[in-house]
Amino acid sequence: MALKDEIEARLRAAFTVQVLTVENESYKHAGHGGDDGSGESHFAVYLRAEELGAMGRLARHRAVQAALGDIHQRLHALALDLG
């Protein structure tokens, strides 16, 4: 399974998703630091979910990191828009 699909599946399993976009932005960083050549090193997540609405910014980020589990160890960068 592609890492993009795994990220999406874990977030959908953990939250009542209203809007979710997961973008692989690795191509923007080809040849830069953190690029491991896999094509799956940099991602951006736009997520709106019921559970996140009542949380503060830090709590939202922690909740998403917890939902992703070990995935963050396989990434160089993960941009989160959880507003």
PDB file of N, CA and C in Angstrom:
ATOM      1  N   MET A   1       0.856  -1.182   0.000  1.00  0.00           N
ATOM      2  CA  MET A   1       0.000   0.000   0.000  1.00  0.00           C
ATOM      3  C   MET A   1       0.896   1.237   0.000  1.00  0.00           C
ATOM      4  N   ALA A   2       0.553   2.187  -0.828  1.00  0.00           N
ATOM      5  CA  ALA A   2       1.299   3.440  -0.874  1.00  0.00           C
ATOM      6  C   ALA A   2       1.150   4.165   0.463  1.00  0.00           C
ATOM      7  N   LEU A   3       2.180   4.867   0.867  1.00  0.00           N
ATOM      8  CA  LEU A   3       2.160   5.570   2.143  1.00  0.00           C
ATOM      9  C   LEU A   3       1.024   6.586   2.201  1.00  0.00           C
ATOM     10  N   LYS A   4       0.737   7.247   1.098  1.00  0.00           N
ATOM     11  CA  LYS A   4      -0.380   8.200   1.039  1.00  0.00           C
ATOM     12  C   LYS A   4      -1.678   7.505   1.425  1.00  0.00           C
ATOM     13  N   ASP A   5      -1.909   6.331   0.889  1.00  0.00           N
ATOM     14  CA  ASP A   5      -3.126   5.570   1.174  1.00  0.00           C
ATOM     15  C   ASP A   5      -3.163   5.103   2.627  1.00  0.00           C
ATOM     16  N   GLU A   6      -2.009   4.737   3.157  1.00  0.00           N
ATOM     17  CA  GLU A   6      -1.934   4.306   4.552  1.00  0.00           C
ATOM     18  C   GLU A   6      -2.246   5.465   5.497  1.00  0.00           C
ATOM     19  N   ILE A   7      -1.722   6.644   5.194  1.00  0.00           N
ATOM     20  CA  ILE A   7      -2.016   7.832   6.008  1.00  0.00           C
ATOM     21  C   ILE A   7      -3.515   8.098   5.991  1.00  0.00           C
ATOM     22  N   GLU A   8      -4.098   8.096   4.812  1.00  0.00           N
ATOM     23  CA  GLU A   8      -5.531   8.354   4.688  1.00  0.00           C
ATOM     24  C   GLU A   8      -6.352   7.309   5.450  1.00  0.00           C
ATOM     25  N   ALA A   9      -6.009   6.052   5.321  1.00  0.00           N
ATOM     26  CA  ALA A   9      -6.757   4.981   5.989  1.00  0.00           C
ATOM     27  C   ALA A   9      -6.697   5.122   7.503  1.00  0.00           C
ATOM     28  N   ARG A  10      -5.526   5.436   8.038  1.00  0.00           N
ATOM     29  CA  ARG A  10      -5.403   5.579   9.495  1.00  0.00           C
ATOM     30  C   ARG A  10      -6.187   6.775  10.008  1.00  0.00           C
ATOM     31  N   LEU A  11      -6.181   7.868   9.261  1.00  0.00           N
ATOM     32  CA  LEU A  11      -6.927   9.046   9.697  1.00  0.00           C
ATOM     33  C   LEU A  11      -8.429   8.804   9.615  1.00  0.00           C
ATOM     34  N   ARG A  12      -8.869   8.130   8.572  1.00  0.00           N
ATOM     35  CA  ARG A  12     -10.303   7.817   8.455  1.00  0.00           C
ATOM     36  C   ARG A  12     -10.752   6.847   9.551  1.00  0.00           C
ATOM     37  N   ALA A  13      -9.879   5.950   9.966  1.00  0.00           N
ATOM     38  CA  ALA A  13     -10.217   5.002  11.029  1.00  0.00           C
ATOM     39  C   ALA A  13     -10.275   5.687  12.400  1.00  0.00           C
ATOM     40  N   ALA A  14      -9.484   6.738  12.577  1.00  0.00           N
ATOM     41  CA  ALA A  14      -9.380   7.383  13.885  1.00  0.00           C
ATOM     42  C   ALA A  14     -10.369   8.522  14.100  1.00  0.00           C
ATOM     43  N   PHE A  15     -10.830   9.137  13.016  1.00  0.00           N
ATOM     44  CA  PHE A  15     -11.658  10.338  13.139  1.00  0.00           C
ATOM     45  C   PHE A  15     -12.923  10.238  12.295  1.00  0.00           C
ATOM     46  N   THR A  16     -13.913  11.044  12.660  1.00  0.00           N
ATOM     47  CA  THR A  16     -15.109  11.214  11.854  1.00  0.00           C
ATOM     48  C   THR A  16     -14.781  12.321  10.858  1.00  0.00           C
ATOM     49  N   VAL A  17     -14.296  11.911   9.711  1.00  0.00           N
ATOM     50  CA  VAL A  17     -13.741  12.841   8.728  1.00  0.00           C
ATOM     51  C   VAL A  17     -14.846  13.590   7.989  1.00  0.00           C
ATOM     52  N   GLN A  18     -14.695  14.911   7.957  1.00  0.00           N
ATOM     53  CA  GLN A  18     -15.574  15.754   7.151  1.00  0.00           C
ATOM     54  C   GLN A  18     -14.888  16.071   5.821  1.00  0.00           C
ATOM     55  N   VAL A  19     -13.609  16.413   5.891  1.00  0.00           N
ATOM     56  CA  VAL A  19     -12.800  16.689   4.705  1.00  0.00           C
ATOM     57  C   VAL A  19     -11.406  16.142   4.963  1.00  0.00           C
ATOM     58  N   LEU A  20     -10.846  15.435   3.983  1.00  0.00           N
ATOM     59  CA  LEU A  20      -9.488  14.920   4.115  1.00  0.00           C
ATOM     60  C   LEU A  20      -8.806  14.941   2.760  1.00  0.00           C
ATOM     61  N   THR A  21      -7.646  15.574   2.730  1.00  0.00           N
ATOM     62  CA  THR A  21      -6.796  15.561   1.547  1.00  0.00           C
ATOM     63  C   THR A  21      -5.393  15.211   2.005  1.00  0.00           C
ATOM     64  N   VAL A  22      -4.804  14.210   1.391  1.00  0.00           N
ATOM     65  CA  VAL A  22      -3.422  13.830   1.671  1.00  0.00           C
ATOM     66  C   VAL A  22      -2.646  13.981   0.370  1.00  0.00           C
ATOM     67  N   GLU A  23      -1.650  14.849   0.384  1.00  0.00           N
ATOM     68  CA  GLU A  23      -0.868  15.100  -0.820  1.00  0.00           C
ATOM     69  C   GLU A  23       0.577  14.674  -0.617  1.00  0.00           C
ATOM     70  N   ASN A  24       1.083  13.934  -1.571  1.00  0.00           N
ATOM     71  CA  ASN A  24       2.490  13.555  -1.575  1.00  0.00           C
ATOM     72  C   ASN A  24       3.246  14.699  -2.249  1.00  0.00           C
ATOM     73  N   GLU A  25       4.028  15.421  -1.465  1.00  0.00           N
ATOM     74  CA  GLU A  25       4.790  16.562  -1.979  1.00  0.00           C
ATOM     75  C   GLU A  25       6.272  16.241  -2.119  1.00  0.00           C
ATOM     76  N   SER A  26       6.601  14.982  -2.144  1.00  0.00           N
ATOM     77  CA  SER A  26       8.002  14.558  -2.194  1.00  0.00           C
ATOM     78  C   SER A  26       8.714  15.075  -3.437  1.00  0.00           C
ATOM     79  N   TYR A  27       7.997  15.160  -4.546  1.00  0.00           N
ATOM     80  CA  TYR A  27       8.616  15.621  -5.796  1.00  0.00           C
ATOM     81  C   TYR A  27       9.170  17.039  -5.666  1.00  0.00           C
ATOM     82  N   LYS A  28       8.606  17.834  -4.771  1.00  0.00           N
ATOM     83  CA  LYS A  28       9.080  19.206  -4.561  1.00  0.00           C
ATOM     84  C   LYS A  28      10.430  19.243  -3.859  1.00  0.00           C
ATOM     85  N   HIS A  29      10.823  18.135  -3.263  1.00  0.00           N
ATOM     86  CA  HIS A  29      12.026  18.085  -2.438  1.00  0.00           C
ATOM     87  C   HIS A  29      13.085  17.137  -2.998  1.00  0.00           C
ATOM     88  N   ALA A  30      12.899  16.691  -4.211  1.00  0.00           N
ATOM     89  CA  ALA A  30      13.851  15.764  -4.829  1.00  0.00           C
ATOM     90  C   ALA A  30      15.254  16.369  -4.820  1.00  0.00           C
ATOM     91  N   GLY A  31      16.199  15.615  -4.297  1.00  0.00           N
ATOM     92  CA  GLY A  31      17.586  16.064  -4.236  1.00  0.00           C
ATOM     93  C   GLY A  31      17.916  16.938  -3.050  1.00  0.00           C
ATOM     94  N   HIS A  32      16.924  17.307  -2.263  1.00  0.00           N
ATOM     95  CA  HIS A  32      17.150  18.133  -1.075  1.00  0.00           C
ATOM     96  C   HIS A  32      17.386  17.239   0.143  1.00  0.00           C
ATOM     97  N   GLY A  33      17.803  17.837   1.234  1.00  0.00           N
ATOM     98  CA  GLY A  33      17.982  17.099   2.479  1.00  0.00           C
ATOM     99  C   GLY A  33      16.683  16.431   2.893  1.00  0.00           C
ATOM    100  N   GLY A  34      16.777  15.223   3.346  1.00  0.00           N
ATOM    101  CA  GLY A  34      15.601  14.479   3.774  1.00  0.00           C
ATOM    102  C   GLY A  34      14.970  13.654   2.672  1.00  0.00           C
ATOM    103  N   ASP A  35      15.357  13.888   1.433  1.00  0.00           N
ATOM    104  CA  ASP A  35      14.844  13.086   0.329  1.00  0.00           C
ATOM    105  C   ASP A  35      15.605  11.767   0.311  1.00  0.00           C
ATOM    106  N   ASP A  36      14.885  10.687   0.599  1.00  0.00           N
ATOM    107  CA  ASP A  36      15.544   9.376   0.645  1.00  0.00           C
ATOM    108  C   ASP A  36      15.455   8.639  -0.690  1.00  0.00           C
ATOM    109  N   GLY A  37      14.886   9.286  -1.689  1.00  0.00           N
ATOM    110  CA  GLY A  37      14.772   8.680  -3.004  1.00  0.00           C
ATOM    111  C   GLY A  37      13.567   7.772  -3.177  1.00  0.00           C
ATOM    112  N   SER A  38      12.796   7.589  -2.124  1.00  0.00           N
ATOM    113  CA  SER A  38      11.638   6.696  -2.193  1.00  0.00           C
ATOM    114  C   SER A  38      10.441   7.343  -2.885  1.00  0.00           C
ATOM    115  N   GLY A  39      10.429   8.667  -2.932  1.00  0.00           N
ATOM    116  CA  GLY A  39       9.269   9.372  -3.467  1.00  0.00           C
ATOM    117  C   GLY A  39       8.134   9.453  -2.471  1.00  0.00           C
ATOM    118  N   GLU A  40       8.419   9.073  -1.215  1.00  0.00           N
ATOM    119  CA  GLU A  40       7.405   9.104  -0.158  1.00  0.00           C
ATOM    120  C   GLU A  40       8.008   9.657   1.135  1.00  0.00           C
ATOM    121  N   SER A  41       8.548  10.865   1.052  1.00  0.00           N
ATOM    122  CA  SER A  41       9.221  11.432   2.222  1.00  0.00           C
ATOM    123  C   SER A  41       8.551  12.691   2.760  1.00  0.00           C
ATOM    124  N   HIS A  42       7.767  13.387   1.933  1.00  0.00           N
ATOM    125  CA  HIS A  42       7.157  14.660   2.315  1.00  0.00           C
ATOM    126  C   HIS A  42       5.658  14.633   1.981  1.00  0.00           C
ATOM    127  N   PHE A  43       4.826  14.854   2.987  1.00  0.00           N
ATOM    128  CA  PHE A  43       3.381  14.838   2.784  1.00  0.00           C
ATOM    129  C   PHE A  43       2.731  16.051   3.423  1.00  0.00           C
ATOM    130  N   ALA A  44       1.577  16.417   2.883  1.00  0.00           N
ATOM    131  CA  ALA A  44       0.755  17.487   3.457  1.00  0.00           C
ATOM    132  C   ALA A  44      -0.643  16.911   3.683  1.00  0.00           C
ATOM    133  N   VAL A  45      -1.185  17.176   4.870  1.00  0.00           N
ATOM    134  CA  VAL A  45      -2.505  16.678   5.233  1.00  0.00           C
ATOM    135  C   VAL A  45      -3.413  17.862   5.557  1.00  0.00           C
ATOM    136  N   TYR A  46      -4.570  17.883   4.923  1.00  0.00           N
ATOM    137  CA  TYR A  46      -5.629  18.842   5.234  1.00  0.00           C
ATOM    138  C   TYR A  46      -6.766  18.013   5.799  1.00  0.00           C
ATOM    139  N   LEU A  47      -7.108  18.242   7.059  1.00  0.00           N
ATOM    140  CA  LEU A  47      -8.107  17.406   7.729  1.00  0.00           C
ATOM    141  C   LEU A  47      -9.074  18.255   8.533  1.00  0.00           C
ATOM    142  N   ARG A  48     -10.354  17.977   8.331  1.00  0.00           N
ATOM    143  CA  ARG A  48     -11.407  18.530   9.162  1.00  0.00           C
ATOM    144  C   ARG A  48     -12.193  17.338   9.694  1.00  0.00           C
ATOM    145  N   ALA A  49     -12.298  17.254  11.017  1.00  0.00           N
ATOM    146  CA  ALA A  49     -13.005  16.138  11.644  1.00  0.00           C
ATOM    147  C   ALA A  49     -13.704  16.629  12.906  1.00  0.00           C
ATOM    148  N   GLU A  50     -14.833  16.043  13.210  1.00  0.00           N
ATOM    149  CA  GLU A  50     -15.631  16.448  14.372  1.00  0.00           C
ATOM    150  C   GLU A  50     -14.805  16.473  15.656  1.00  0.00           C
ATOM    151  N   GLU A  51     -14.037  15.434  15.875  1.00  0.00           N
ATOM    152  CA  GLU A  51     -13.284  15.308  17.128  1.00  0.00           C
ATOM    153  C   GLU A  51     -12.255  16.423  17.310  1.00  0.00           C
ATOM    154  N   LEU A  52     -11.753  16.959  16.233  1.00  0.00           N
ATOM    155  CA  LEU A  52     -10.696  17.968  16.317  1.00  0.00           C
ATOM    156  C   LEU A  52     -11.240  19.360  16.604  1.00  0.00           C
ATOM    157  N   GLY A  53     -12.518  19.569  16.334  1.00  0.00           N
ATOM    158  CA  GLY A  53     -13.116  20.894  16.461  1.00  0.00           C
ATOM    159  C   GLY A  53     -12.986  21.526  17.832  1.00  0.00           C
ATOM    160  N   ALA A  54     -13.120  20.740  18.875  1.00  0.00           N
ATOM    161  CA  ALA A  54     -13.093  21.274  20.236  1.00  0.00           C
ATOM    162  C   ALA A  54     -11.688  21.333  20.833  1.00  0.00           C
ATOM    163  N   MET A  55     -10.704  20.845  20.101  1.00  0.00           N
ATOM    164  CA  MET A  55      -9.332  20.784  20.614  1.00  0.00           C
ATOM    165  C   MET A  55      -8.551  22.040  20.259  1.00  0.00           C
ATOM    166  N   GLY A  56      -7.570  22.328  21.072  1.00  0.00           N
ATOM    167  CA  GLY A  56      -6.617  23.375  20.746  1.00  0.00           C
ATOM    168  C   GLY A  56      -5.645  22.874  19.689  1.00  0.00           C
ATOM    169  N   ARG A  57      -4.838  23.784  19.161  1.00  0.00           N
ATOM    170  CA  ARG A  57      -3.922  23.446  18.057  1.00  0.00           C
ATOM    171  C   ARG A  57      -2.968  22.303  18.414  1.00  0.00           C
ATOM    172  N   LEU A  58      -2.334  22.388  19.565  1.00  0.00           N
ATOM    173  CA  LEU A  58      -1.379  21.362  19.975  1.00  0.00           C
ATOM    174  C   LEU A  58      -2.069  20.015  20.172  1.00  0.00           C
ATOM    175  N   ALA A  59      -3.240  20.022  20.779  1.00  0.00           N
ATOM    176  CA  ALA A  59      -3.986  18.778  20.992  1.00  0.00           C
ATOM    177  C   ALA A  59      -4.386  18.137  19.668  1.00  0.00           C
ATOM    178  N   ARG A  60      -4.773  18.954  18.679  1.00  0.00           N
ATOM    179  CA  ARG A  60      -5.118  18.417  17.355  1.00  0.00           C
ATOM    180  C   ARG A  60      -3.913  17.722  16.730  1.00  0.00           C
ATOM    181  N   HIS A  61      -2.758  18.377  16.797  1.00  0.00           N
ATOM    182  CA  HIS A  61      -1.548  17.790  16.218  1.00  0.00           C
ATOM    183  C   HIS A  61      -1.173  16.492  16.929  1.00  0.00           C
ATOM    184  N   ARG A  62      -1.291  16.484  18.238  1.00  0.00           N
ATOM    185  CA  ARG A  62      -0.978  15.263  18.990  1.00  0.00           C
ATOM    186  C   ARG A  62      -1.935  14.129  18.635  1.00  0.00           C
ATOM    187  N   ALA A  63      -3.209  14.456  18.468  1.00  0.00           N
ATOM    188  CA  ALA A  63      -4.206  13.438  18.128  1.00  0.00           C
ATOM    189  C   ALA A  63      -3.906  12.823  16.755  1.00  0.00           C
ATOM    190  N   VAL A  64      -3.531  13.653  15.807  1.00  0.00           N
ATOM    191  CA  VAL A  64      -3.210  13.149  14.470  1.00  0.00           C
ATOM    192  C   VAL A  64      -1.936  12.308  14.507  1.00  0.00           C
ATOM    193  N   GLN A  65      -0.926  12.777  15.222  1.00  0.00           N
ATOM    194  CA  GLN A  65       0.321  12.000  15.341  1.00  0.00           C
ATOM    195  C   GLN A  65       0.042  10.640  15.979  1.00  0.00           C
ATOM    196  N   ALA A  66      -0.821  10.619  17.001  1.00  0.00           N
ATOM    197  CA  ALA A  66      -1.165   9.351  17.651  1.00  0.00           C
ATOM    198  C   ALA A  66      -1.888   8.424  16.671  1.00  0.00           C
ATOM    199  N   ALA A  67      -2.780   8.984  15.854  1.00  0.00           N
ATOM    200  CA  ALA A  67      -3.516   8.177  14.884  1.00  0.00           C
ATOM    201  C   ALA A  67      -2.581   7.597  13.818  1.00  0.00           C
ATOM    202  N   LEU A  68      -1.564   8.355  13.457  1.00  0.00           N
ATOM    203  CA  LEU A  68      -0.627   7.894  12.427  1.00  0.00           C
ATOM    204  C   LEU A  68       0.375   6.874  12.957  1.00  0.00           C
ATOM    205  N   GLY A  69       0.559   6.840  14.267  1.00  0.00           N
ATOM    206  CA  GLY A  69       1.438   5.844  14.867  1.00  0.00           C
ATOM    207  C   GLY A  69       2.847   5.890  14.314  1.00  0.00           C
ATOM    208  N   ASP A  70       3.339   4.755  13.838  1.00  0.00           N
ATOM    209  CA  ASP A  70       4.729   4.643  13.387  1.00  0.00           C
ATOM    210  C   ASP A  70       4.988   5.289  12.027  1.00  0.00           C
ATOM    211  N   ILE A  71       3.956   5.771  11.368  1.00  0.00           N
ATOM    212  CA  ILE A  71       4.153   6.382  10.048  1.00  0.00           C
ATOM    213  C   ILE A  71       5.120   7.553  10.122  1.00  0.00           C
ATOM    214  N   HIS A  72       5.053   8.341  11.189  1.00  0.00           N
ATOM    215  CA  HIS A  72       5.921   9.528  11.270  1.00  0.00           C
ATOM    216  C   HIS A  72       7.405   9.156  11.236  1.00  0.00           C
ATOM    217  N   GLN A  73       7.736   7.936  11.604  1.00  0.00           N
ATOM    218  CA  GLN A  73       9.137   7.496  11.565  1.00  0.00           C
ATOM    219  C   GLN A  73       9.610   7.260  10.135  1.00  0.00           C
ATOM    220  N   ARG A  74       8.670   7.099   9.208  1.00  0.00           N
ATOM    221  CA  ARG A  74       9.006   6.853   7.808  1.00  0.00           C
ATOM    222  C   ARG A  74       8.989   8.122   6.962  1.00  0.00           C
ATOM    223  N   LEU A  75       8.698   9.254   7.592  1.00  0.00           N
ATOM    224  CA  LEU A  75       8.599  10.522   6.877  1.00  0.00           C
ATOM    225  C   LEU A  75       9.723  11.458   7.255  1.00  0.00           C
ATOM    226  N   HIS A  76      10.060  12.328   6.334  1.00  0.00           N
ATOM    227  CA  HIS A  76      10.977  13.428   6.662  1.00  0.00           C
ATOM    228  C   HIS A  76      10.167  14.658   7.075  1.00  0.00           C
ATOM    229  N   ALA A  77       9.032  14.888   6.417  1.00  0.00           N
ATOM    230  CA  ALA A  77       8.234  16.068   6.722  1.00  0.00           C
ATOM    231  C   ALA A  77       6.747  15.754   6.567  1.00  0.00           C
ATOM    232  N   LEU A  78       5.970  16.304   7.484  1.00  0.00           N
ATOM    233  CA  LEU A  78       4.519  16.152   7.443  1.00  0.00           C
ATOM    234  C   LEU A  78       3.900  17.501   7.805  1.00  0.00           C
ATOM    235  N   ALA A  79       3.304  18.144   6.828  1.00  0.00           N
ATOM    236  CA  ALA A  79       2.622  19.426   7.051  1.00  0.00           C
ATOM    237  C   ALA A  79       1.170  19.131   7.401  1.00  0.00           C
ATOM    238  N   LEU A  80       0.694  19.699   8.502  1.00  0.00           N
ATOM    239  CA  LEU A  80      -0.674  19.458   8.947  1.00  0.00           C
ATOM    240  C   LEU A  80      -1.466  20.757   8.936  1.00  0.00           C
ATOM    241  N   ASP A  81      -2.615  20.729   8.259  1.00  0.00           N
ATOM    242  CA  ASP A  81      -3.579  21.826   8.302  1.00  0.00           C
ATOM    243  C   ASP A  81      -4.819  21.234   8.928  1.00  0.00           C
ATOM    244  N   LEU A  82      -5.011  21.504  10.208  1.00  0.00           N
ATOM    245  CA  LEU A  82      -6.088  20.882  10.970  1.00  0.00           C
ATOM    246  C   LEU A  82      -7.110  21.882  11.461  1.00  0.00           C
ATOM    247  N   GLY A  83      -7.008  23.102  10.965  1.00  0.00           N
ATOM    248  CA  GLY A  83      -7.840  24.220  11.394  1.00  0.00           C
ATOM    249  C   GLY A  83      -9.269  23.912  11.445  1.00  0.00           C
TER     250      GLY A  83
END
